[in-house]
Amino acid sequence: MNHPTVPYYPPSVWILAAFDPVLIGLALYLGWKADQFGKVVLVAMIALVVSVLVSWVLTGLGVPWPAPVGRELPTFFPVRTAAALIYAILGYTARRTIAPRA
């Protein structure tokens, strides 16, 4: 009986998915622009989708990227999703702390 082999990726590779520059920049920016906390979840989803698409295109073009996405490569959606939500909350909180609206 052949059992499929599950690939193993060390934690250092998982962490790279959380430090995708597009994910960080977009989630922080859109989190900063969100005017209600409920929109932070939407912001996180948008940042996640855009960062995965950009990573996929750059990986397809052969550009070195900290968190590549491809057919044979892992996507690490749980890590990316959690990171997007954390960065969006940080952006939202920073806006309320640094530059509160009147």
Protein backbone atom coordinates (compact mmCIF):
# COMPACT_ATOMS: atom_id res chain seq x y z
CA MET A 1 0.00 0.00 0.00
CA ASN A 2 1.43 3.36 -1.01
CA HIS A 3 0.85 6.18 1.39
CA PRO A 4 1.32 9.74 0.22
CA THR A 5 4.29 11.51 1.68
CA VAL A 6 3.45 14.75 3.41
CA PRO A 7 6.12 17.37 2.81
CA TYR A 8 7.81 18.85 5.84
CA TYR A 9 8.70 22.51 5.98
CA PRO A 10 10.72 23.85 8.91
CA PRO A 11 9.25 26.67 11.02
CA SER A 12 11.73 29.14 9.51
CA VAL A 13 10.00 28.69 6.14
CA TRP A 14 6.57 29.16 7.71
CA ILE A 15 7.68 32.43 9.30
CA LEU A 16 8.76 33.85 5.93
CA ALA A 17 5.15 33.76 4.77
CA ALA A 18 4.24 36.21 7.56
CA PHE A 19 6.88 38.69 6.37
CA ASP A 20 5.71 39.08 2.79
CA PRO A 21 6.40 42.78 1.99
CA VAL A 22 3.22 43.20 -0.07
CA LEU A 23 1.13 41.67 2.71
CA ILE A 24 2.67 43.92 5.35
CA GLY A 25 2.44 47.12 3.35
CA LEU A 26 -1.07 46.62 2.07
CA ALA A 27 -2.53 45.39 5.37
CA LEU A 28 -0.97 48.26 7.33
CA TYR A 29 -2.06 50.87 4.77
CA LEU A 30 -5.62 49.60 4.41
CA GLY A 31 -5.88 49.06 8.17
CA TRP A 32 -4.81 52.69 8.61
CA LYS A 33 -7.54 53.80 6.19
CA ALA A 34 -10.32 51.67 7.74
CA ASP A 35 -12.84 53.82 9.57
CA GLN A 36 -14.56 50.97 11.44
CA PHE A 37 -13.05 47.99 13.22
CA GLY A 38 -15.35 45.61 11.33
CA LYS A 39 -13.63 46.58 8.09
CA VAL A 40 -10.32 45.26 9.42
CA VAL A 41 -11.37 41.70 8.55
CA LEU A 42 -12.19 42.77 5.00
CA VAL A 43 -8.87 44.62 4.80
CA ALA A 44 -7.03 41.48 5.93
CA MET A 45 -8.75 39.38 3.25
CA ILE A 46 -7.91 41.90 0.53
CA ALA A 47 -4.27 42.07 1.64
CA LEU A 48 -4.08 38.27 1.72
CA VAL A 49 -5.47 37.82 -1.79
CA VAL A 50 -3.35 40.58 -3.34
CA SER A 51 -0.15 39.39 -1.64
CA VAL A 52 -0.70 35.80 -2.80
CA LEU A 53 -1.38 36.95 -6.37
CA VAL A 54 1.70 39.21 -6.43
CA SER A 55 3.85 36.44 -4.93
CA TRP A 56 2.52 33.97 -7.50
CA VAL A 57 3.27 36.31 -10.42
CA LEU A 58 6.76 37.16 -9.15
CA THR A 59 7.54 33.49 -8.52
CA GLY A 60 6.32 32.66 -12.04
CA LEU A 61 8.62 35.33 -13.47
CA GLY A 62 11.56 33.89 -11.53
CA VAL A 63 12.01 36.88 -9.23
CA PRO A 64 13.40 35.85 -5.82
CA TRP A 65 10.72 36.46 -3.19
CA PRO A 66 10.71 35.82 0.57
CA ALA A 67 7.47 33.84 0.42
CA PRO A 68 7.13 32.31 -3.05
CA VAL A 69 3.85 30.80 -4.24
CA GLY A 70 3.69 28.16 -6.94
CA ARG A 71 2.17 24.83 -7.91
CA GLU A 72 4.90 22.82 -6.19
CA LEU A 73 5.50 25.35 -3.42
CA PRO A 74 3.56 25.76 -0.18
CA THR A 75 1.20 28.72 0.18
CA PHE A 76 1.01 28.76 3.99
CA PHE A 77 -2.48 30.24 4.02
CA PRO A 78 -2.94 29.90 7.81
CA VAL A 79 0.21 31.92 8.48
CA ARG A 80 -0.57 34.50 5.81
CA THR A 81 -4.15 34.90 7.06
CA ALA A 82 -3.10 35.40 10.68
CA ALA A 83 -0.35 37.82 9.64
CA ALA A 84 -2.74 39.83 7.44
CA LEU A 85 -5.19 40.17 10.31
CA ILE A 86 -2.46 41.17 12.78
CA TYR A 87 -0.99 43.79 10.42
CA ALA A 88 -4.44 45.20 9.61
CA ILE A 89 -5.24 45.51 13.33
CA LEU A 90 -1.87 47.19 13.89
CA GLY A 91 -2.59 49.70 11.12
CA TYR A 92 -6.08 50.39 12.47
CA THR A 93 -4.79 50.79 16.03
CA ALA A 94 -1.90 53.01 14.94
CA ARG A 95 -4.30 55.35 13.15
CA ARG A 96 -6.50 55.63 16.24
CA THR A 97 -3.47 56.21 18.49
CA ILE A 98 -1.29 58.49 16.36
CA ALA A 99 -3.81 60.53 14.39
CA PRO A 100 -7.27 60.30 15.92
CA ARG A 101 -10.06 61.82 13.85
CA ALA A 102 -12.13 64.67 15.22
